[in-house]
N, C-alpha and C. Protein backbone atom coordinates (compact mmCIF):
# COMPACT_ATOMS: atom_id res chain seq x y z
N MET A 1 100.89 78.69 75.90
CA MET A 1 100.90 78.96 77.33
C MET A 1 102.16 78.33 77.93
N VAL A 2 102.88 79.12 78.72
CA VAL A 2 104.10 78.65 79.38
C VAL A 2 103.82 78.56 80.87
N GLU A 3 104.19 77.43 81.46
CA GLU A 3 103.99 77.22 82.90
C GLU A 3 105.34 77.20 83.59
N TYR A 4 105.40 77.91 84.72
CA TYR A 4 106.61 77.95 85.54
C TYR A 4 106.26 77.46 86.94
N LEU A 5 107.24 76.86 87.58
CA LEU A 5 107.11 76.46 88.99
C LEU A 5 108.09 77.31 89.79
N GLN A 6 107.56 78.01 90.77
CA GLN A 6 108.42 78.81 91.65
C GLN A 6 108.50 78.10 92.99
N GLU A 7 109.72 77.81 93.42
CA GLU A 7 109.97 77.17 94.72
C GLU A 7 110.68 78.16 95.62
N LEU A 8 110.04 78.47 96.71
CA LEU A 8 110.62 79.37 97.71
C LEU A 8 110.99 78.52 98.91
N ARG A 9 112.28 78.40 99.18
CA ARG A 9 112.76 77.64 100.34
C ARG A 9 113.01 78.63 101.46
N VAL A 10 112.35 78.39 102.58
CA VAL A 10 112.42 79.32 103.70
C VAL A 10 112.75 78.58 104.98
N LYS A 11 113.30 79.31 105.93
CA LYS A 11 113.57 78.76 107.25
C LYS A 11 112.66 79.46 108.24
N ASP A 12 111.87 78.68 108.93
CA ASP A 12 110.92 79.17 109.93
C ASP A 12 111.33 78.53 111.25
N GLY A 13 112.11 79.27 112.05
CA GLY A 13 112.63 78.68 113.27
C GLY A 13 113.66 77.61 112.92
N ASN A 14 113.38 76.37 113.33
CA ASN A 14 114.28 75.26 113.02
C ASN A 14 113.81 74.47 111.81
N GLN A 15 112.67 74.82 111.25
CA GLN A 15 112.11 74.08 110.12
C GLN A 15 112.44 74.75 108.79
N VAL A 16 112.73 73.91 107.79
CA VAL A 16 112.88 74.40 106.43
C VAL A 16 111.61 74.02 105.68
N ARG A 17 111.00 74.99 105.05
CA ARG A 17 109.76 74.77 104.30
C ARG A 17 109.98 75.12 102.84
N ILE A 18 109.23 74.45 101.99
CA ILE A 18 109.24 74.76 100.57
C ILE A 18 107.83 75.20 100.19
N ILE A 19 107.72 76.41 99.68
CA ILE A 19 106.43 76.96 99.26
C ILE A 19 106.45 77.01 97.74
N ASN A 20 105.52 76.31 97.10
CA ASN A 20 105.46 76.24 95.64
C ASN A 20 104.27 77.03 95.11
N ILE A 21 104.48 77.71 93.99
CA ILE A 21 103.37 78.31 93.25
C ILE A 21 103.62 78.07 91.77
N HIS A 22 102.56 78.06 91.02
CA HIS A 22 102.65 77.93 89.56
C HIS A 22 102.35 79.29 88.94
N ILE A 23 103.11 79.63 87.94
CA ILE A 23 102.93 80.89 87.21
C ILE A 23 102.63 80.52 85.76
N PHE A 24 101.57 81.09 85.21
CA PHE A 24 101.20 80.83 83.82
C PHE A 24 101.33 82.13 83.03
N LYS A 25 102.04 82.06 81.90
CA LYS A 25 102.25 83.22 81.05
C LYS A 25 101.97 82.85 79.60
N GLU A 26 101.54 83.83 78.84
CA GLU A 26 101.31 83.61 77.40
C GLU A 26 102.63 83.42 76.66
N LYS A 27 103.65 84.17 77.10
CA LYS A 27 104.97 84.12 76.44
C LYS A 27 106.03 83.78 77.47
N VAL A 28 107.19 83.38 76.98
CA VAL A 28 108.33 83.08 77.85
C VAL A 28 108.75 84.35 78.58
N MET A 29 109.01 84.23 79.88
CA MET A 29 109.43 85.38 80.67
C MET A 29 110.90 85.70 80.42
N THR A 30 111.21 86.99 80.42
CA THR A 30 112.61 87.42 80.30
C THR A 30 113.29 87.24 81.65
N ASP A 31 114.60 87.35 81.67
CA ASP A 31 115.35 87.25 82.92
C ASP A 31 114.91 88.33 83.91
N ASP A 32 114.64 89.52 83.41
CA ASP A 32 114.18 90.61 84.28
C ASP A 32 112.82 90.29 84.89
N GLU A 33 111.92 89.73 84.09
CA GLU A 33 110.60 89.36 84.61
C GLU A 33 110.71 88.26 85.67
N ILE A 34 111.60 87.31 85.44
CA ILE A 34 111.80 86.24 86.42
C ILE A 34 112.32 86.81 87.74
N GLU A 35 113.30 87.69 87.67
CA GLU A 35 113.83 88.31 88.89
C GLU A 35 112.76 89.13 89.61
N GLU A 36 111.93 89.83 88.85
CA GLU A 36 110.84 90.62 89.43
C GLU A 36 109.86 89.72 90.17
N LYS A 37 109.51 88.58 89.56
CA LYS A 37 108.58 87.62 90.19
C LYS A 37 109.18 87.05 91.47
N LYS A 38 110.48 86.76 91.45
CA LYS A 38 111.15 86.23 92.64
C LYS A 38 111.07 87.23 93.79
N ILE A 39 111.39 88.48 93.50
CA ILE A 39 111.38 89.52 94.54
C ILE A 39 109.96 89.73 95.05
N GLU A 40 109.01 89.81 94.14
CA GLU A 40 107.61 90.05 94.49
C GLU A 40 107.08 88.95 95.42
N PHE A 41 107.33 87.68 95.08
CA PHE A 41 106.81 86.58 95.89
C PHE A 41 107.54 86.49 97.23
N SER A 42 108.83 86.74 97.24
CA SER A 42 109.60 86.72 98.49
C SER A 42 109.06 87.76 99.46
N LYS A 43 108.87 88.98 98.97
CA LYS A 43 108.34 90.06 99.82
C LYS A 43 106.94 89.72 100.33
N TYR A 44 106.10 89.19 99.44
CA TYR A 44 104.74 88.84 99.82
C TYR A 44 104.73 87.80 100.96
N MET A 45 105.52 86.75 100.81
CA MET A 45 105.54 85.70 101.83
C MET A 45 106.12 86.21 103.14
N GLN A 46 107.13 87.07 103.08
CA GLN A 46 107.68 87.66 104.30
C GLN A 46 106.63 88.51 105.01
N GLU A 47 105.82 89.25 104.25
CA GLU A 47 104.76 90.06 104.84
C GLU A 47 103.68 89.19 105.48
N VAL A 48 103.31 88.10 104.81
CA VAL A 48 102.29 87.19 105.35
C VAL A 48 102.77 86.59 106.67
N TYR A 49 103.99 86.09 106.70
CA TYR A 49 104.52 85.50 107.93
C TYR A 49 104.72 86.55 109.01
N ALA A 50 105.19 87.75 108.63
CA ALA A 50 105.40 88.82 109.59
C ALA A 50 104.09 89.23 110.26
N SER A 51 102.99 89.19 109.51
CA SER A 51 101.69 89.55 110.08
C SER A 51 101.27 88.56 111.17
N GLU A 52 101.87 87.37 111.15
CA GLU A 52 101.62 86.36 112.20
C GLU A 52 102.72 86.37 113.26
N GLY A 53 103.65 87.34 113.15
CA GLY A 53 104.73 87.47 114.12
C GLY A 53 105.87 86.48 113.90
N ILE A 54 106.00 85.98 112.68
CA ILE A 54 107.04 84.99 112.37
C ILE A 54 108.07 85.64 111.46
N ASN A 55 109.35 85.51 111.85
CA ASN A 55 110.44 86.03 111.03
C ASN A 55 110.85 84.94 110.05
N LEU A 56 110.67 85.19 108.79
CA LEU A 56 110.92 84.21 107.74
C LEU A 56 112.27 84.49 107.08
N GLU A 57 113.16 83.49 107.10
CA GLU A 57 114.46 83.62 106.45
C GLU A 57 114.41 82.92 105.10
N ILE A 58 114.68 83.64 104.02
CA ILE A 58 114.64 83.06 102.68
C ILE A 58 115.98 82.40 102.40
N ILE A 59 115.92 81.11 102.05
CA ILE A 59 117.13 80.35 101.75
C ILE A 59 117.39 80.35 100.25
N ASP A 60 116.34 80.11 99.47
CA ASP A 60 116.50 80.02 98.02
C ASP A 60 115.17 80.33 97.35
N ASN A 61 115.25 80.84 96.12
CA ASN A 61 114.06 81.17 95.35
C ASN A 61 114.35 80.80 93.90
N ILE A 62 113.69 79.76 93.42
CA ILE A 62 113.99 79.22 92.10
C ILE A 62 112.73 79.22 91.24
N ILE A 63 112.86 79.65 90.00
CA ILE A 63 111.77 79.55 89.04
C ILE A 63 112.25 78.70 87.87
N THR A 64 111.50 77.63 87.59
CA THR A 64 111.85 76.76 86.46
C THR A 64 110.66 76.63 85.52
N GLU A 65 110.96 76.52 84.25
CA GLU A 65 109.90 76.34 83.24
C GLU A 65 109.46 74.89 83.27
N VAL A 66 108.15 74.67 83.43
CA VAL A 66 107.60 73.32 83.49
C VAL A 66 107.24 72.83 82.09
N ARG A 67 106.54 73.68 81.33
CA ARG A 67 106.22 73.34 79.93
C ARG A 67 106.09 74.59 79.11
């Protein structure tokens, strides 16, 4: 089992927030899979914030292998 930590750094008004999630996979993810996960989570978080009327600016999106 491979564990990844995804850190999404966003700007909400004047605040910078870090949203973390853990991803668990049976095998190591390819570069394409990592990029797909980044895009998927970024879009999801933008939709969640948009539903509350908040414009979310994405600063950075990093996925690192934890173990």
